[in-house]
Amino acid sequence: MTLLIFLNYYASMDADLKALEQKLSQLISLCDDLRNQNAQLRLDLNATQSDSALLKANMDQASVRIEALMESLP
């Protein structure tokens, strides 16, 4: 009888461990996906910041030109 109880307990524990292993695998996969998305978002953010800086510089140049044109008008 004790052997039967032990085998049932072992089977139940084995099923729990397999379920935990599957959940851990899913968690690891999700973490990898999030890490990759985060890296891509950082690249996108850097590109956007560079574009923004370039646009600001262009706007500053345009402002200077417009002011110069306005001063040259009679």
Protein backbone atom coordinates (compact mmCIF):
# COMPACT_ATOMS: atom_id res chain seq x y z
CA MET A 1 0.00 0.00 0.00
CA THR A 2 2.74 2.49 0.84
CA LEU A 3 4.36 1.89 -2.51
CA LEU A 4 1.08 2.68 -4.26
CA ILE A 5 0.68 5.89 -2.25
CA PHE A 6 4.28 6.86 -3.04
CA LEU A 7 3.78 6.20 -6.77
CA ASN A 8 0.60 8.30 -6.81
CA TYR A 9 2.39 11.07 -4.95
CA TYR A 10 5.35 10.84 -7.32
CA ALA A 11 3.09 10.98 -10.39
CA SER A 12 1.30 14.02 -9.02
CA MET A 13 4.57 15.72 -8.15
CA ASP A 14 5.98 14.88 -11.59
CA ALA A 15 2.94 16.46 -13.28
CA ASP A 16 3.35 19.58 -11.13
CA LEU A 17 7.03 19.81 -12.02
CA LYS A 18 6.29 19.43 -15.73
CA ALA A 19 3.64 22.17 -15.51
CA LEU A 20 6.12 24.41 -13.69
CA GLU A 21 8.78 23.66 -16.30
CA GLN A 22 6.37 24.63 -19.07
CA LYS A 23 5.44 27.86 -17.31
CA LEU A 24 9.11 28.69 -16.79
CA SER A 25 9.81 28.06 -20.46
CA GLN A 26 6.98 30.43 -21.39
CA LEU A 27 8.29 33.04 -18.97
CA ILE A 28 11.82 32.78 -20.38
CA SER A 29 10.46 33.09 -23.91
CA LEU A 30 8.39 36.11 -22.93
CA CYS A 31 11.43 37.74 -21.27
CA ASP A 32 13.50 37.15 -24.42
CA ASP A 33 10.76 38.67 -26.58
CA LEU A 34 10.47 41.69 -24.29
CA ARG A 35 14.25 42.12 -24.24
CA ASN A 36 14.30 42.13 -28.06
CA GLN A 37 11.38 44.58 -28.23
CA ASN A 38 13.10 46.82 -25.70
CA ALA A 39 16.30 46.85 -27.75
CA GLN A 40 14.30 47.75 -30.88
CA LEU A 41 12.46 50.50 -29.02
CA ARG A 42 15.77 51.94 -27.84
CA LEU A 43 17.00 52.03 -31.45
CA ASP A 44 13.75 53.65 -32.58
CA LEU A 45 13.98 56.21 -29.78
CA ASN A 46 17.55 57.12 -30.71
CA ALA A 47 16.56 57.52 -34.36
CA THR A 48 13.58 59.67 -33.40
CA GLN A 49 15.71 61.85 -31.15
CA SER A 50 18.24 62.33 -33.95
CA ASP A 51 15.46 63.25 -36.38
CA SER A 52 14.01 65.68 -33.86
CA ALA A 53 17.37 67.37 -33.34
CA LEU A 54 17.85 67.69 -37.11
CA LEU A 55 14.37 69.17 -37.55
CA LYS A 56 15.00 71.65 -34.73
CA ALA A 57 18.26 72.74 -36.37
CA ASN A 58 16.45 73.18 -39.70
CA MET A 59 13.74 75.24 -38.02
CA ASP A 60 16.35 77.43 -36.33
CA GLN A 61 18.05 78.03 -39.71
CA ALA A 62 14.69 78.84 -41.31
CA SER A 63 13.94 81.33 -38.52
CA VAL A 64 17.25 83.07 -39.03
CA ARG A 65 16.62 83.30 -42.80
CA ILE A 66 13.09 84.62 -42.31
CA GLU A 67 14.33 87.24 -39.86
CA ALA A 68 17.03 88.30 -42.31
CA LEU A 69 14.46 88.57 -45.10
CA MET A 70 12.12 90.58 -42.90
CA GLU A 71 14.92 93.02 -42.03
CA SER A 72 15.72 93.51 -45.69
CA LEU A 73 12.15 94.48 -46.57
CA PRO A 74 11.44 98.21 -46.85
